[in-house]
Amino acid sequence: MAQNRLQALMGRAEALDTFEAVGDMRRDDLPPGLSPLLSRALDLRPDLRALRAEQARTLADLKLQIAQGKIEYTVGVEYRRQQGLAGTGNSLGLFLSLPLTIYDRNQGGIARAQAEIRQSELRIAALEREIRAQLEATYAQCRAANTVLLSFESGLLEQARDVLNVTEYAYRRGEASFVEFLDAQRTYNETMQGYIDARAEYARLRFTLDNLTAQGTP
């Protein structure tokens, strides 16, 4: 079932029977602090960059609305030279034309653009807070999962293996019962299963952390 789900995520139309995932689960170390991850997320997250691009558009629209609200006037100059039987004459004319927009200064368009700018600022601030909260929670979960992994790797696995080996040796020599041997085997299996689950959880959280910080985004 896990192999079929993985092939579906890879885009395969039909699952292959010979499909097999190889390689170790992810076990790279955590970054020393949250600040570099937060800086990267605020710089590269596509959703945040889209909101910032929308904010730049609303700022440009506000400038346009302000420009449309200004009075535009036209200045012209005309020169004429007349020559006839009675004599010649020269004339120079100056023209000034402007619309009488006393009450209409595009206040509605400016107010709408200002409201859109405010909305974009609030959306950006809300998304930044959400990114920060998600990163803090995921980073804390990664540290906790790493602590669990270290507890397994620093002695729990070796202790469970040693207990199993000693119990098996004693059972073969007749110094331990079959039930004791089965109990040691069960304990070792449960310890190994816990270790595998811990590694899987840590790998999942590391990929979640990469997703939150846009790791691998061009």
N, C-alpha and C. Protein backbone atom coordinates (compact mmCIF):
# COMPACT_ATOMS: atom_id res chain seq x y z
N MET A 1 0.84 -1.21 0.00
CA MET A 1 0.00 0.00 0.00
C MET A 1 0.86 1.25 0.00
N ALA A 2 1.94 1.23 0.80
CA ALA A 2 2.83 2.40 0.83
C ALA A 2 3.52 2.59 -0.52
N GLN A 3 3.92 1.47 -1.15
CA GLN A 3 4.56 1.57 -2.46
C GLN A 3 3.60 2.11 -3.50
N ASN A 4 2.35 1.69 -3.45
CA ASN A 4 1.35 2.19 -4.40
C ASN A 4 1.10 3.67 -4.21
N ARG A 5 1.01 4.11 -2.95
CA ARG A 5 0.80 5.55 -2.69
C ARG A 5 1.99 6.36 -3.19
N LEU A 6 3.20 5.82 -2.98
CA LEU A 6 4.39 6.53 -3.44
C LEU A 6 4.41 6.64 -4.96
N GLN A 7 4.04 5.59 -5.65
CA GLN A 7 4.02 5.65 -7.11
C GLN A 7 2.93 6.59 -7.62
N ALA A 8 1.82 6.68 -6.89
CA ALA A 8 0.78 7.63 -7.27
C ALA A 8 1.28 9.06 -7.12
N LEU A 9 2.04 9.34 -6.05
CA LEU A 9 2.62 10.67 -5.87
C LEU A 9 3.63 10.99 -6.96
N MET A 10 4.30 9.96 -7.48
CA MET A 10 5.27 10.16 -8.55
C MET A 10 4.60 10.34 -9.91
N GLY A 11 3.30 10.15 -9.99
CA GLY A 11 2.59 10.37 -11.25
C GLY A 11 2.45 9.13 -12.11
N ARG A 12 2.69 7.95 -11.57
CA ARG A 12 2.56 6.73 -12.36
C ARG A 12 1.08 6.39 -12.54
N ALA A 13 0.72 6.07 -13.79
CA ALA A 13 -0.67 5.72 -14.06
C ALA A 13 -1.03 4.36 -13.46
N GLU A 14 -0.09 3.42 -13.51
CA GLU A 14 -0.31 2.09 -12.96
C GLU A 14 0.87 1.73 -12.06
N ALA A 15 0.56 1.12 -10.95
CA ALA A 15 1.61 0.73 -10.02
C ALA A 15 2.37 -0.48 -10.55
N LEU A 16 3.68 -0.47 -10.36
CA LEU A 16 4.54 -1.57 -10.79
C LEU A 16 4.75 -2.55 -9.65
N ASP A 17 4.70 -3.81 -9.96
CA ASP A 17 4.91 -4.83 -8.92
C ASP A 17 6.36 -4.89 -8.48
N THR A 18 7.28 -4.54 -9.38
CA THR A 18 8.72 -4.65 -9.06
C THR A 18 9.27 -3.36 -8.45
N PHE A 19 8.38 -2.42 -8.14
CA PHE A 19 8.82 -1.14 -7.59
C PHE A 19 9.36 -1.34 -6.17
N GLU A 20 10.51 -0.69 -5.88
CA GLU A 20 11.10 -0.81 -4.55
C GLU A 20 11.83 0.48 -4.21
N ALA A 21 11.62 0.98 -3.01
CA ALA A 21 12.32 2.18 -2.54
C ALA A 21 13.59 1.74 -1.82
N VAL A 22 14.71 2.35 -2.19
CA VAL A 22 16.00 1.98 -1.61
C VAL A 22 16.62 3.21 -0.97
N GLY A 23 17.62 2.97 -0.13
CA GLY A 23 18.32 4.06 0.52
C GLY A 23 17.84 4.28 1.94
N ASP A 24 18.67 4.95 2.72
CA ASP A 24 18.33 5.22 4.11
C ASP A 24 17.37 6.39 4.23
N MET A 25 16.63 6.40 5.32
CA MET A 25 15.78 7.54 5.61
C MET A 25 16.63 8.75 5.99
N ARG A 26 16.06 9.89 5.83
CA ARG A 26 16.80 11.13 6.06
C ARG A 26 17.21 11.25 7.52
N ARG A 27 18.49 11.65 7.70
CA ARG A 27 19.01 11.77 9.07
C ARG A 27 19.97 12.95 9.19
N ASP A 28 19.81 13.99 8.35
CA ASP A 28 20.70 15.14 8.42
C ASP A 28 20.40 15.96 9.67
N ASP A 29 21.41 16.68 10.13
CA ASP A 29 21.29 17.44 11.37
C ASP A 29 20.42 18.68 11.17
N LEU A 30 19.85 19.12 12.27
CA LEU A 30 19.04 20.34 12.26
C LEU A 30 19.95 21.56 12.19
N PRO A 31 19.48 22.65 11.58
CA PRO A 31 20.23 23.91 11.67
C PRO A 31 20.37 24.35 13.13
N PRO A 32 21.43 25.09 13.44
CA PRO A 32 21.67 25.44 14.85
C PRO A 32 20.62 26.37 15.44
N GLY A 33 19.91 27.10 14.61
CA GLY A 33 18.93 28.04 15.14
C GLY A 33 17.78 28.24 14.17
N LEU A 34 16.76 28.95 14.63
CA LEU A 34 15.57 29.18 13.82
C LEU A 34 15.69 30.41 12.94
N SER A 35 16.56 31.35 13.28
CA SER A 35 16.65 32.61 12.54
C SER A 35 16.98 32.43 11.06
N PRO A 36 17.99 31.59 10.70
CA PRO A 36 18.26 31.42 9.26
C PRO A 36 17.08 30.82 8.50
N LEU A 37 16.37 29.89 9.12
CA LEU A 37 15.21 29.30 8.47
C LEU A 37 14.11 30.32 8.27
N LEU A 38 13.89 31.16 9.27
CA LEU A 38 12.86 32.19 9.16
C LEU A 38 13.21 33.21 8.08
N SER A 39 14.47 33.62 8.03
CA SER A 39 14.90 34.58 7.00
C SER A 39 14.71 34.00 5.60
N ARG A 40 15.05 32.74 5.44
CA ARG A 40 14.89 32.11 4.14
C ARG A 40 13.42 32.01 3.75
N ALA A 41 12.58 31.65 4.71
CA ALA A 41 11.16 31.52 4.42
C ALA A 41 10.55 32.86 4.03
N LEU A 42 10.93 33.93 4.74
CA LEU A 42 10.38 35.25 4.43
C LEU A 42 10.89 35.79 3.10
N ASP A 43 12.02 35.27 2.63
CA ASP A 43 12.57 35.73 1.36
C ASP A 43 12.08 34.91 0.17
N LEU A 44 11.86 33.61 0.36
CA LEU A 44 11.66 32.72 -0.78
C LEU A 44 10.28 32.08 -0.85
N ARG A 45 9.45 32.20 0.19
CA ARG A 45 8.15 31.55 0.12
C ARG A 45 7.34 32.11 -1.04
N PRO A 46 6.89 31.26 -1.98
CA PRO A 46 6.17 31.77 -3.16
C PRO A 46 4.88 32.49 -2.81
N ASP A 47 4.14 31.99 -1.81
CA ASP A 47 2.89 32.65 -1.45
C ASP A 47 3.14 34.04 -0.89
N LEU A 48 4.21 34.20 -0.12
CA LEU A 48 4.53 35.52 0.43
C LEU A 48 5.03 36.46 -0.67
N ARG A 49 5.80 35.93 -1.59
CA ARG A 49 6.29 36.76 -2.69
C ARG A 49 5.14 37.20 -3.59
N ALA A 50 4.13 36.35 -3.75
CA ALA A 50 2.95 36.73 -4.54
C ALA A 50 2.20 37.87 -3.88
N LEU A 51 2.06 37.82 -2.55
CA LEU A 51 1.38 38.91 -1.85
C LEU A 51 2.18 40.21 -1.95
N ARG A 52 3.50 40.13 -1.90
CA ARG A 52 4.31 41.33 -2.04
C ARG A 52 4.21 41.91 -3.44
N ALA A 53 4.13 41.04 -4.45
CA ALA A 53 3.93 41.54 -5.82
C ALA A 53 2.58 42.22 -5.95
N GLU A 54 1.56 41.67 -5.30
CA GLU A 54 0.25 42.30 -5.32
C GLU A 54 0.28 43.65 -4.60
N GLN A 55 1.06 43.74 -3.52
CA GLN A 55 1.19 45.01 -2.83
C GLN A 55 1.87 46.06 -3.72
N ALA A 56 2.89 45.66 -4.47
CA ALA A 56 3.54 46.58 -5.39
C ALA A 56 2.57 47.06 -6.47
N ARG A 57 1.69 46.16 -6.92
CA ARG A 57 0.70 46.58 -7.92
C ARG A 57 -0.28 47.61 -7.34
N THR A 58 -0.71 47.39 -6.08
CA THR A 58 -1.63 48.35 -5.48
C THR A 58 -0.96 49.70 -5.25
N LEU A 59 0.32 49.72 -4.94
CA LEU A 59 1.04 50.98 -4.79
C LEU A 59 1.11 51.72 -6.12
N ALA A 60 1.36 50.99 -7.19
CA ALA A 60 1.38 51.62 -8.52
C ALA A 60 0.00 52.14 -8.89
N ASP A 61 -1.04 51.38 -8.52
CA ASP A 61 -2.41 51.83 -8.82
C ASP A 61 -2.76 53.09 -8.03
N LEU A 62 -2.26 53.21 -6.78
CA LEU A 62 -2.51 54.43 -6.01
C LEU A 62 -1.87 55.64 -6.68
N LYS A 63 -0.65 55.48 -7.17
CA LYS A 63 0.00 56.59 -7.88
C LYS A 63 -0.80 56.98 -9.11
N LEU A 64 -1.34 55.99 -9.81
CA LEU A 64 -2.16 56.28 -10.99
C LEU A 64 -3.43 57.04 -10.62
N GLN A 65 -4.08 56.60 -9.55
CA GLN A 65 -5.32 57.28 -9.14
C GLN A 65 -5.05 58.71 -8.69
N ILE A 66 -3.92 58.93 -8.01
CA ILE A 66 -3.58 60.30 -7.61
C ILE A 66 -3.31 61.17 -8.83
N ALA A 67 -2.62 60.59 -9.81
CA ALA A 67 -2.33 61.35 -11.03
C ALA A 67 -3.61 61.69 -11.79
N GLN A 68 -4.56 60.75 -11.81
CA GLN A 68 -5.83 61.01 -12.50
C GLN A 68 -6.67 62.05 -11.77
N GLY A 69 -6.43 62.24 -10.49
CA GLY A 69 -7.19 63.23 -9.74
C GLY A 69 -6.65 64.64 -9.88
N LYS A 70 -5.49 64.83 -10.47
CA LYS A 70 -4.92 66.16 -10.66
C LYS A 70 -5.52 66.85 -11.88
N ILE A 71 -5.56 68.17 -11.82
CA ILE A 71 -6.10 68.96 -12.93
C ILE A 71 -5.04 69.08 -14.02
N GLU A 72 -5.42 68.71 -15.23
CA GLU A 72 -4.52 68.82 -16.36
C GLU A 72 -4.92 70.04 -17.19
N TYR A 73 -3.98 70.87 -17.46
CA TYR A 73 -4.24 72.07 -18.26
C TYR A 73 -3.39 72.04 -19.51
N THR A 74 -3.85 72.79 -20.50
CA THR A 74 -3.18 72.84 -21.80
C THR A 74 -2.82 74.28 -22.11
N VAL A 75 -1.58 74.49 -22.49
CA VAL A 75 -1.08 75.81 -22.85
C VAL A 75 -0.72 75.81 -24.34
N GLY A 76 -1.15 76.83 -25.06
CA GLY A 76 -0.86 76.91 -26.50
C GLY A 76 -0.43 78.31 -26.91
N VAL A 77 0.31 78.38 -27.95
CA VAL A 77 0.80 79.65 -28.53
C VAL A 77 0.51 79.63 -30.02
N GLU A 78 0.03 80.77 -30.53
CA GLU A 78 -0.26 80.88 -31.96
C GLU A 78 0.30 82.20 -32.51
N TYR A 79 0.90 82.15 -33.61
CA TYR A 79 1.46 83.34 -34.27
C TYR A 79 0.90 83.40 -35.69
N ARG A 80 0.42 84.60 -36.06
CA ARG A 80 -0.14 84.80 -37.40
C ARG A 80 0.49 86.05 -38.03
N ARG A 81 0.71 85.93 -39.31
CA ARG A 81 1.20 87.07 -40.11
C ARG A 81 0.24 87.27 -41.28
N GLN A 82 -0.33 88.45 -41.35
CA GLN A 82 -1.29 88.79 -42.40
C GLN A 82 -0.69 89.85 -43.33
N GLN A 83 -0.92 89.63 -44.58
CA GLN A 83 -0.39 90.57 -45.58
C GLN A 83 -1.46 90.78 -46.66
N GLY A 84 -1.79 92.01 -46.88
CA GLY A 84 -2.82 92.34 -47.86
C GLY A 84 -2.54 93.65 -48.55
N LEU A 85 -3.57 94.15 -49.27
CA LEU A 85 -3.40 95.41 -50.01
C LEU A 85 -3.26 96.60 -49.07
N ALA A 86 -3.91 96.48 -47.93
CA ALA A 86 -3.86 97.60 -47.00
C ALA A 86 -2.59 97.59 -46.16
N GLY A 87 -1.83 96.53 -46.23
CA GLY A 87 -0.61 96.46 -45.42
C GLY A 87 -0.43 95.08 -44.79
N THR A 88 0.49 94.98 -43.91
CA THR A 88 0.77 93.72 -43.24
C THR A 88 0.52 93.85 -41.75
N GLY A 89 0.35 92.71 -41.12
CA GLY A 89 0.10 92.71 -39.68
C GLY A 89 0.55 91.39 -39.05
N ASN A 90 1.00 91.46 -37.85
CA ASN A 90 1.43 90.29 -37.08
C ASN A 90 0.60 90.18 -35.81
N SER A 91 0.27 88.94 -35.45
CA SER A 91 -0.50 88.71 -34.22
C SER A 91 0.06 87.49 -33.49
N LEU A 92 0.05 87.57 -32.19
CA LEU A 92 0.53 86.49 -31.33
C LEU A 92 -0.55 86.19 -30.30
N GLY A 93 -0.92 84.92 -30.20
CA GLY A 93 -1.98 84.53 -29.28
C GLY A 93 -1.51 83.49 -28.28
N LEU A 94 -1.98 83.59 -27.06
CA LEU A 94 -1.69 82.62 -25.99
C LEU A 94 -3.00 81.98 -25.55
N PHE A 95 -2.98 80.65 -25.33
CA PHE A 95 -4.19 79.90 -24.97
C PHE A 95 -3.92 79.08 -23.72
N LEU A 96 -4.89 79.05 -22.86
CA LEU A 96 -4.84 78.24 -21.66
C LEU A 96 -6.19 77.59 -21.45
N SER A 97 -6.21 76.24 -21.38
CA SER A 97 -7.48 75.52 -21.18
C SER A 97 -7.30 74.53 -20.04
N LEU A 98 -8.31 74.41 -19.18
CA LEU A 98 -8.29 73.46 -18.08
C LEU A 98 -9.71 73.09 -17.71
N PRO A 99 -9.94 71.83 -17.27
CA PRO A 99 -11.29 71.41 -16.88
C PRO A 99 -11.65 72.00 -15.52
N LEU A 100 -12.91 72.32 -15.37
CA LEU A 100 -13.40 72.89 -14.11
C LEU A 100 -13.88 71.75 -13.19
N THR A 101 -12.94 70.95 -12.69
CA THR A 101 -13.27 69.83 -11.78
C THR A 101 -13.09 70.33 -10.35
N ILE A 102 -14.07 71.05 -9.89
CA ILE A 102 -13.97 71.66 -8.56
C ILE A 102 -14.15 70.61 -7.48
N TYR A 103 -15.13 69.70 -7.65
CA TYR A 103 -15.44 68.73 -6.61
C TYR A 103 -14.93 67.32 -6.94
N ASP A 104 -14.59 67.06 -8.18
CA ASP A 104 -14.15 65.73 -8.58
C ASP A 104 -12.64 65.70 -8.69
N ARG A 105 -12.00 65.13 -7.70
CA ARG A 105 -10.54 64.94 -7.72
C ARG A 105 -10.18 63.45 -7.62
N ASN A 106 -11.09 62.59 -8.13
CA ASN A 106 -10.91 61.14 -8.11
C ASN A 106 -10.74 60.61 -6.69
N GLN A 107 -11.52 61.18 -5.77
CA GLN A 107 -11.41 60.74 -4.37
C GLN A 107 -11.79 59.28 -4.21
N GLY A 108 -12.78 58.82 -4.97
CA GLY A 108 -13.21 57.42 -4.85
C GLY A 108 -12.13 56.44 -5.27
N GLY A 109 -11.48 56.73 -6.41
CA GLY A 109 -10.42 55.84 -6.87
C GLY A 109 -9.23 55.83 -5.92
N ILE A 110 -8.90 56.97 -5.37
CA ILE A 110 -7.78 57.05 -4.42
C ILE A 110 -8.11 56.28 -3.14
N ALA A 111 -9.33 56.45 -2.63
CA ALA A 111 -9.73 55.74 -1.41
C ALA A 111 -9.73 54.22 -1.64
N ARG A 112 -10.20 53.80 -2.81
CA ARG A 112 -10.19 52.36 -3.11
C ARG A 112 -8.77 51.82 -3.15
N ALA A 113 -7.86 52.54 -3.81
CA ALA A 113 -6.46 52.09 -3.88
C ALA A 113 -5.82 52.06 -2.50
N GLN A 114 -6.11 53.05 -1.66
CA GLN A 114 -5.57 53.05 -0.31
C GLN A 114 -6.09 51.87 0.51
N ALA A 115 -7.38 51.53 0.32
CA ALA A 115 -7.95 50.38 1.04
C ALA A 115 -7.30 49.08 0.58
N GLU A 116 -7.04 48.96 -0.71
CA GLU A 116 -6.38 47.75 -1.21
C GLU A 116 -4.96 47.63 -0.67
N ILE A 117 -4.27 48.76 -0.54
CA ILE A 117 -2.92 48.73 0.03
C ILE A 117 -2.97 48.26 1.48
N ARG A 118 -3.92 48.77 2.22
CA ARG A 118 -4.05 48.37 3.62
C ARG A 118 -4.37 46.88 3.72
N GLN A 119 -5.25 46.40 2.86
CA GLN A 119 -5.59 44.99 2.88
C GLN A 119 -4.38 44.12 2.55
N SER A 120 -3.59 44.54 1.57
CA SER A 120 -2.40 43.76 1.21
C SER A 120 -1.38 43.75 2.35
N GLU A 121 -1.24 44.88 3.05
CA GLU A 121 -0.34 44.92 4.20
C GLU A 121 -0.79 43.97 5.29
N LEU A 122 -2.10 43.93 5.55
CA LEU A 122 -2.62 43.03 6.58
C LEU A 122 -2.45 41.57 6.18
N ARG A 123 -2.68 41.26 4.91
CA ARG A 123 -2.50 39.87 4.45
C ARG A 123 -1.04 39.45 4.57
N ILE A 124 -0.11 40.33 4.21
CA ILE A 124 1.31 40.00 4.33
C ILE A 124 1.69 39.79 5.79
N ALA A 125 1.24 40.68 6.67
CA ALA A 125 1.56 40.53 8.09
C ALA A 125 0.96 39.24 8.67
N ALA A 126 -0.26 38.89 8.26
CA ALA A 126 -0.88 37.67 8.75
C ALA A 126 -0.13 36.44 8.27
N LEU A 127 0.29 36.44 7.00
CA LEU A 127 1.03 35.28 6.48
C LEU A 127 2.40 35.17 7.13
N GLU A 128 3.05 36.29 7.38
CA GLU A 128 4.35 36.24 8.06
C GLU A 128 4.21 35.67 9.47
N ARG A 129 3.15 36.06 10.17
CA ARG A 129 2.92 35.50 11.51
C ARG A 129 2.64 34.00 11.42
N GLU A 130 1.88 33.59 10.42
CA GLU A 130 1.57 32.17 10.26
C GLU A 130 2.83 31.38 9.94
N ILE A 131 3.68 31.91 9.06
CA ILE A 131 4.93 31.23 8.72
C ILE A 131 5.81 31.10 9.96
N ARG A 132 5.91 32.17 10.73
CA ARG A 132 6.74 32.13 11.93
C ARG A 132 6.22 31.09 12.92
N ALA A 133 4.90 31.06 13.11
CA ALA A 133 4.32 30.09 14.05
C ALA A 133 4.53 28.66 13.56
N GLN A 134 4.34 28.40 12.27
CA GLN A 134 4.54 27.06 11.73
C GLN A 134 6.00 26.63 11.86
N LEU A 135 6.91 27.54 11.58
CA LEU A 135 8.33 27.20 11.69
C LEU A 135 8.71 26.89 13.13
N GLU A 136 8.24 27.71 14.07
CA GLU A 136 8.58 27.47 15.48
C GLU A 136 8.05 26.12 15.93
N ALA A 137 6.81 25.80 15.55
CA ALA A 137 6.23 24.53 15.97
C ALA A 137 6.96 23.35 15.34
N THR A 138 7.22 23.44 14.02
CA THR A 138 7.89 22.32 13.34
C THR A 138 9.32 22.15 13.82
N TYR A 139 10.01 23.27 14.06
CA TYR A 139 11.39 23.19 14.55
C TYR A 139 11.44 22.54 15.93
N ALA A 140 10.48 22.90 16.78
CA ALA A 140 10.43 22.29 18.12
C ALA A 140 10.14 20.79 18.02
N GLN A 141 9.24 20.40 17.10
CA GLN A 141 8.96 18.99 16.90
C GLN A 141 10.18 18.25 16.36
N CYS A 142 10.93 18.90 15.48
CA CYS A 142 12.16 18.28 14.96
C CYS A 142 13.17 18.05 16.08
N ARG A 143 13.32 19.02 16.95
CA ARG A 143 14.26 18.86 18.05
C ARG A 143 13.81 17.73 18.97
N ALA A 144 12.51 17.66 19.23
CA ALA A 144 12.02 16.58 20.09
C ALA A 144 12.23 15.22 19.43
N ALA A 145 11.96 15.12 18.12
CA ALA A 145 12.17 13.85 17.41
C ALA A 145 13.64 13.49 17.37
N ASN A 146 14.50 14.49 17.24
CA ASN A 146 15.94 14.23 17.25
C ASN A 146 16.39 13.72 18.62
N THR A 147 15.81 14.25 19.67
CA THR A 147 16.15 13.78 21.01
C THR A 147 15.75 12.31 21.19
N VAL A 148 14.57 11.96 20.67
CA VAL A 148 14.13 10.56 20.75
C VAL A 148 15.08 9.66 19.96
N LEU A 149 15.48 10.11 18.78
CA LEU A 149 16.40 9.33 17.97
C LEU A 149 17.73 9.11 18.68
N LEU A 150 18.24 10.18 19.29
CA LEU A 150 19.51 10.07 20.00
C LEU A 150 19.41 9.10 21.17
N SER A 151 18.26 9.08 21.81
CA SER A 151 18.10 8.13 22.92
C SER A 151 18.16 6.69 22.43
N PHE A 152 17.59 6.43 21.25
CA PHE A 152 17.70 5.09 20.68
C PHE A 152 19.13 4.78 20.28
N GLU A 153 19.76 5.73 19.60
CA GLU A 153 21.09 5.48 19.04
C GLU A 153 22.18 5.48 20.10
N SER A 154 21.93 6.11 21.22
CA SER A 154 22.96 6.19 22.26
C SER A 154 22.97 5.02 23.23
N GLY A 155 22.03 4.10 23.08
CA GLY A 155 22.10 2.98 24.01
C GLY A 155 20.90 2.05 24.03
N LEU A 156 19.71 2.53 23.72
CA LEU A 156 18.53 1.69 23.83
C LEU A 156 18.58 0.50 22.88
N LEU A 157 18.98 0.76 21.63
CA LEU A 157 19.04 -0.34 20.67
C LEU A 157 20.08 -1.37 21.10
N GLU A 158 21.24 -0.88 21.51
CA GLU A 158 22.31 -1.79 21.91
C GLU A 158 21.91 -2.60 23.15
N GLN A 159 21.24 -1.95 24.09
CA GLN A 159 20.81 -2.66 25.30
C GLN A 159 19.79 -3.74 24.95
N ALA A 160 18.83 -3.40 24.10
CA ALA A 160 17.81 -4.40 23.72
C ALA A 160 18.45 -5.56 22.98
N ARG A 161 19.43 -5.27 22.13
CA ARG A 161 20.11 -6.33 21.40
C ARG A 161 20.94 -7.21 22.34
N ASP A 162 21.59 -6.58 23.30
CA ASP A 162 22.39 -7.36 24.26
C ASP A 162 21.50 -8.27 25.11
N VAL A 163 20.35 -7.73 25.55
CA VAL A 163 19.43 -8.55 26.35
C VAL A 163 18.93 -9.73 25.54
N LEU A 164 18.62 -9.50 24.26
CA LEU A 164 18.15 -10.59 23.41
C LEU A 164 19.25 -11.64 23.23
N ASN A 165 20.47 -11.21 22.99
CA ASN A 165 21.57 -12.17 22.79
C ASN A 165 21.85 -12.99 24.05
N VAL A 166 21.84 -12.31 25.20
CA VAL A 166 22.08 -13.02 26.45
C VAL A 166 20.97 -14.01 26.75
N THR A 167 19.71 -13.58 26.53
CA THR A 167 18.58 -14.46 26.80
C THR A 167 18.59 -15.66 25.85
N GLU A 168 18.92 -15.41 24.57
CA GLU A 168 18.98 -16.52 23.62
C GLU A 168 20.09 -17.51 24.00
N TYR A 169 21.23 -16.99 24.42
CA TYR A 169 22.33 -17.86 24.84
C TYR A 169 21.92 -18.69 26.06
N ALA A 170 21.26 -18.02 27.01
CA ALA A 170 20.82 -18.73 28.22
C ALA A 170 19.76 -19.75 27.88
N TYR A 171 18.88 -19.42 26.94
CA TYR A 171 17.82 -20.38 26.56
C TYR A 171 18.43 -21.62 25.91
N ARG A 172 19.43 -21.41 25.04
CA ARG A 172 20.06 -22.56 24.37
C ARG A 172 20.83 -23.44 25.37
N ARG A 173 21.26 -22.85 26.46
CA ARG A 173 21.97 -23.62 27.49
C ARG A 173 21.01 -24.20 28.53
N GLY A 174 19.73 -23.88 28.37
CA GLY A 174 18.75 -24.39 29.30
C GLY A 174 18.64 -23.59 30.57
N GLU A 175 19.22 -22.41 30.62
CA GLU A 175 19.19 -21.58 31.82
C GLU A 175 18.04 -20.55 31.79
N ALA A 176 17.32 -20.47 30.69
CA ALA A 176 16.18 -19.54 30.57
C ALA A 176 15.05 -20.28 29.88
N SER A 177 13.83 -19.90 30.23
CA SER A 177 12.67 -20.56 29.64
C SER A 177 12.37 -20.00 28.25
N PHE A 178 11.55 -20.71 27.52
CA PHE A 178 11.16 -20.26 26.18
C PHE A 178 10.34 -18.97 26.26
N VAL A 179 9.53 -18.84 27.30
CA VAL A 179 8.73 -17.61 27.49
C VAL A 179 9.64 -16.41 27.71
N GLU A 180 10.71 -16.59 28.48
CA GLU A 180 11.66 -15.49 28.69
C GLU A 180 12.35 -15.10 27.38
N PHE A 181 12.68 -16.12 26.58
CA PHE A 181 13.30 -15.81 25.28
C PHE A 181 12.32 -15.06 24.37
N LEU A 182 11.06 -15.46 24.33
CA LEU A 182 10.05 -14.77 23.53
C LEU A 182 9.84 -13.34 24.03
N ASP A 183 9.88 -13.15 25.35
CA ASP A 183 9.70 -11.81 25.91
C ASP A 183 10.86 -10.91 25.52
N ALA A 184 12.09 -11.43 25.51
CA ALA A 184 13.24 -10.63 25.09
C ALA A 184 13.15 -10.31 23.60
N GLN A 185 12.68 -11.30 22.81
CA GLN A 185 12.51 -11.06 21.37
C GLN A 185 11.45 -10.00 21.12
N ARG A 186 10.34 -10.06 21.88
CA ARG A 186 9.28 -9.07 21.72
C ARG A 186 9.78 -7.67 22.10
N THR A 187 10.53 -7.58 23.19
CA THR A 187 11.07 -6.29 23.62
C THR A 187 12.00 -5.70 22.58
N TYR A 188 12.84 -6.57 22.01
CA TYR A 188 13.76 -6.09 20.98
C TYR A 188 12.98 -5.62 19.74
N ASN A 189 11.98 -6.37 19.33
CA ASN A 189 11.18 -5.98 18.16
C ASN A 189 10.47 -4.65 18.40
N GLU A 190 9.91 -4.48 19.60
CA GLU A 190 9.23 -3.22 19.91
C GLU A 190 10.22 -2.06 19.93
N THR A 191 11.42 -2.29 20.45
CA THR A 191 12.43 -1.24 20.46
C THR A 191 12.85 -0.87 19.04
N MET A 192 13.05 -1.88 18.20
CA MET A 192 13.43 -1.63 16.82
C MET A 192 12.32 -0.92 16.06
N GLN A 193 11.06 -1.31 16.31
CA GLN A 193 9.94 -0.65 15.66
C GLN A 193 9.84 0.81 16.10
N GLY A 194 10.08 1.06 17.40
CA GLY A 194 10.07 2.44 17.88
C GLY A 194 11.17 3.27 17.23
N TYR A 195 12.33 2.66 17.04
CA TYR A 195 13.43 3.37 16.38
C TYR A 195 13.09 3.69 14.93
N ILE A 196 12.51 2.74 14.21
CA ILE A 196 12.13 2.99 12.82
C ILE A 196 11.06 4.08 12.74
N ASP A 197 10.08 4.01 13.63
CA ASP A 197 9.04 5.05 13.65
C ASP A 197 9.64 6.42 13.96
N ALA A 198 10.61 6.46 14.88
CA ALA A 198 11.24 7.73 15.23
C ALA A 198 12.02 8.30 14.04
N ARG A 199 12.72 7.43 13.31
CA ARG A 199 13.46 7.89 12.13
C ARG A 199 12.51 8.41 11.05
N ALA A 200 11.39 7.69 10.87
CA ALA A 200 10.40 8.12 9.88
C ALA A 200 9.78 9.46 10.26
N GLU A 201 9.48 9.64 11.54
CA GLU A 201 8.90 10.90 12.00
C GLU A 201 9.89 12.05 11.84
N TYR A 202 11.15 11.79 12.16
CA TYR A 202 12.16 12.84 12.01
C TYR A 202 12.33 13.21 10.54
N ALA A 203 12.38 12.22 9.66
CA ALA A 203 12.52 12.51 8.23
C ALA A 203 11.31 13.30 7.72
N ARG A 204 10.10 12.93 8.16
CA ARG A 204 8.90 13.65 7.73
C ARG A 204 8.94 15.11 8.19
N LEU A 205 9.37 15.33 9.43
CA LEU A 205 9.45 16.69 9.95
C LEU A 205 10.52 17.51 9.23
N ARG A 206 11.63 16.87 8.85
CA ARG A 206 12.67 17.60 8.12
C ARG A 206 12.17 18.02 6.75
N PHE A 207 11.40 17.15 6.08
CA PHE A 207 10.82 17.53 4.79
C PHE A 207 9.77 18.62 4.98
N THR A 208 9.02 18.55 6.07
CA THR A 208 8.05 19.61 6.36
C THR A 208 8.76 20.95 6.59
N LEU A 209 9.88 20.90 7.28
CA LEU A 209 10.66 22.12 7.52
C LEU A 209 11.19 22.68 6.20
N ASP A 210 11.65 21.81 5.31
CA ASP A 210 12.11 22.27 3.99
C ASP A 210 10.97 22.91 3.20
N ASN A 211 9.79 22.31 3.32
CA ASN A 211 8.64 22.87 2.60
C ASN A 211 8.27 24.24 3.14
N LEU A 212 8.33 24.42 4.45
CA LEU A 212 7.99 25.71 5.04
C LEU A 212 9.00 26.79 4.69
N THR A 213 10.25 26.42 4.46
CA THR A 213 11.30 27.39 4.14
C THR A 213 11.59 27.47 2.66
N ALA A 214 10.75 26.83 1.83
CA ALA A 214 10.92 26.85 0.37
C ALA A 214 12.29 26.30 -0.04
N GLN A 215 12.76 25.30 0.67
CA GLN A 215 14.03 24.67 0.34
C GLN A 215 13.90 23.95 -1.00
N GLY A 216 14.82 24.23 -1.92
CA GLY A 216 14.77 23.64 -3.24
C GLY A 216 13.97 24.43 -4.24
N THR A 217 13.32 25.54 -3.80
CA THR A 217 12.57 26.36 -4.75
C THR A 217 13.54 27.20 -5.58
N PRO A 218 13.43 27.15 -6.93
CA PRO A 218 14.35 27.96 -7.75
C PRO A 218 14.08 29.44 -7.61
